C-alpha atoms as a PDB file:
ATOM      1  CA  UNK A   1     -79.026  14.555-133.718  1.00  0.00           C
ATOM      2  CA  UNK A   2     -76.277  17.132-133.306  1.00  0.00           C
ATOM      3  CA  UNK A   3     -72.587  16.534-132.999  1.00  0.00           C
ATOM      4  CA  UNK A   4     -70.595  18.324-130.314  1.00  0.00           C
ATOM      5  CA  UNK A   5     -67.437  19.695-131.898  1.00  0.00           C
ATOM      6  CA  UNK A   6     -66.008  20.682-128.534  1.00  0.00           C
ATOM      7  CA  UNK A   7     -66.004  24.359-129.405  1.00  0.00           C
ATOM      8  CA  UNK A   8     -66.126  26.942-126.647  1.00  0.00           C
ATOM      9  CA  UNK A   9     -66.594  30.674-126.522  1.00  0.00           C
ATOM     10  CA  UNK A  10     -62.883  31.162-125.755  1.00  0.00           C
ATOM     11  CA  UNK A  11     -60.578  31.690-128.752  1.00  0.00           C
ATOM     12  CA  UNK A  12     -57.844  29.135-129.318  1.00  0.00           C
ATOM     13  CA  UNK A  13     -54.422  30.625-128.602  1.00  0.00           C
ATOM     14  CA  UNK A  14     -51.995  30.566-131.530  1.00  0.00           C
ATOM     15  CA  UNK A  15     -49.225  29.150-129.316  1.00  0.00           C
ATOM     16  CA  UNK A  16     -49.103  26.063-127.121  1.00  0.00           C
ATOM     17  CA  UNK A  17     -46.687  24.263-124.811  1.00  0.00           C
ATOM     18  CA  UNK A  18     -43.840  22.706-126.787  1.00  0.00           C
ATOM     19  CA  UNK A  19     -43.982  25.211-129.657  1.00  0.00           C
ATOM     20  CA  UNK A  20     -40.674  26.675-130.768  1.00  0.00           C
ATOM     21  CA  UNK A  21     -40.809  30.483-130.759  1.00  0.00           C
ATOM     22  CA  UNK A  22     -38.700  33.601-131.039  1.00  0.00           C
ATOM     23  CA  UNK A  23     -38.849  36.427-128.505  1.00  0.00           C
ATOM     24  CA  UNK A  24     -37.309  39.918-128.445  1.00  0.00           C
ATOM     25  CA  UNK A  25     -37.153  41.379-124.939  1.00  0.00           C
ATOM     26  CA  UNK A  26     -37.241  44.997-126.138  1.00  0.00           C
ATOM     27  CA  UNK A  27     -37.030  47.072-129.300  1.00  0.00           C
ATOM     28  CA  UNK A  28     -33.732  46.790-131.095  1.00  0.00           C
ATOM     29  CA  UNK A  29     -32.558  43.614-129.370  1.00  0.00           C
ATOM     30  CA  UNK A  30     -31.870  40.440-131.280  1.00  0.00           C
ATOM     31  CA  UNK A  31     -34.494  37.720-131.294  1.00  0.00           C
ATOM     32  CA  UNK A  32     -33.759  34.827-128.944  1.00  0.00           C
ATOM     33  CA  UNK A  33     -35.250  31.392-129.566  1.00  0.00           C
ATOM     34  CA  UNK A  34     -36.678  28.785-127.255  1.00  0.00           C
ATOM     35  CA  UNK A  35     -39.583  26.480-126.462  1.00  0.00           C
ATOM     36  CA  UNK A  36     -42.794  27.325-124.627  1.00  0.00           C
ATOM     37  CA  UNK A  37     -42.532  25.566-121.257  1.00  0.00           C
ATOM     38  CA  UNK A  38     -45.826  26.714-119.696  1.00  0.00           C
ATOM     39  CA  UNK A  39     -48.998  28.575-120.610  1.00  0.00           C
ATOM     40  CA  UNK A  40     -50.560  30.390-117.663  1.00  0.00           C
ATOM     41  CA  UNK A  41     -53.691  31.192-119.686  1.00  0.00           C
ATOM     42  CA  UNK A  42     -55.494  34.490-119.933  1.00  0.00           C
ATOM     43  CA  UNK A  43     -54.401  36.808-117.154  1.00  0.00           C
ATOM     44  CA  UNK A  44     -56.155  39.851-115.723  1.00  0.00           C
ATOM     45  CA  UNK A  45     -55.096  43.206-117.088  1.00  0.00           C
ATOM     46  CA  UNK A  46     -53.401  44.297-113.876  1.00  0.00           C
ATOM     47  CA  UNK A  47     -50.067  45.872-113.120  1.00  0.00           C
ATOM     48  CA  UNK A  48     -48.031  46.698-110.053  1.00  0.00           C
ATOM     49  CA  UNK A  49     -45.093  48.902-109.168  1.00  0.00           C
ATOM     50  CA  UNK A  50     -42.116  47.305-107.422  1.00  0.00           C
ATOM     51  CA  UNK A  51     -40.895  50.666-106.171  1.00  0.00           C
ATOM     52  CA  UNK A  52     -38.867  52.009-109.078  1.00  0.00           C
ATOM     53  CA  UNK A  53     -41.795  53.759-110.768  1.00  0.00           C
ATOM     54  CA  UNK A  54     -42.071  51.329-113.689  1.00  0.00           C
ATOM     55  CA  UNK A  55     -45.263  49.260-113.819  1.00  0.00           C
ATOM     56  CA  UNK A  56     -44.959  45.529-114.432  1.00  0.00           C
ATOM     57  CA  UNK A  57     -47.664  43.042-115.332  1.00  0.00           C
ATOM     58  CA  UNK A  58     -47.934  39.247-115.479  1.00  0.00           C
ATOM     59  CA  UNK A  59     -47.038  37.433-118.705  1.00  0.00           C
ATOM     60  CA  UNK A  60     -48.880  34.495-120.257  1.00  0.00           C
ATOM     61  CA  UNK A  61     -46.038  32.191-121.349  1.00  0.00           C
ATOM     62  CA  UNK A  62     -42.843  30.836-119.812  1.00  0.00           C
ATOM     63  CA  UNK A  63     -40.234  30.194-122.532  1.00  0.00           C
ATOM     64  CA  UNK A  64     -37.146  28.065-121.959  1.00  0.00           C
ATOM     65  CA  UNK A  65     -34.549  29.777-124.142  1.00  0.00           C
ATOM     66  CA  UNK A  66     -31.877  27.850-126.032  1.00  0.00           C
ATOM     67  CA  UNK A  67     -29.166  29.418-123.845  1.00  0.00           C
ATOM     68  CA  UNK A  68     -30.800  28.021-120.680  1.00  0.00           C
ATOM     69  CA  UNK A  69     -32.493  31.212-119.457  1.00  0.00           C
ATOM     70  CA  UNK A  70     -36.206  31.356-118.668  1.00  0.00           C
ATOM     71  CA  UNK A  71     -38.182  34.247-120.178  1.00  0.00           C
ATOM     72  CA  UNK A  72     -41.795  35.334-119.767  1.00  0.00           C
ATOM     73  CA  UNK A  73     -43.834  36.794-122.629  1.00  0.00           C
ATOM     74  CA  UNK A  74     -47.291  37.475-124.035  1.00  0.00           C
ATOM     75  CA  UNK A  75     -48.736  36.430-127.418  1.00  0.00           C
ATOM     76  CA  UNK A  76     -47.701  39.725-129.032  1.00  0.00           C
ATOM     77  CA  UNK A  77     -44.064  39.232-127.944  1.00  0.00           C
ATOM     78  CA  UNK A  78     -43.680  35.902-129.776  1.00  0.00           C
ATOM     79  CA  UNK A  79     -42.733  35.170-133.373  1.00  0.00           C
ATOM     80  CA  UNK A  80     -42.457  31.972-135.372  1.00  0.00           C
ATOM     81  CA  UNK A  81     -38.845  30.820-135.790  1.00  0.00           C
ATOM     82  CA  UNK A  82     -37.221  31.524-139.143  1.00  0.00           C
END
């Protein structure tokens, strides 16, 4: 008899809804803190241009920042709070 551990081929993300995280929107900016409000899951590696010549792509997480703003980020953009 074998026991199903519920494992799948997909890796478990290090972050989940409700986790407190830090996010820096670009190099040199201070880290802002908030809580993950939604996880959109793995997204396709696709980008689009909104007309200004800079490509944009979808982000995995929605983060409700402590100051009330909503930010979007990927795994690599997040840090554990100090």
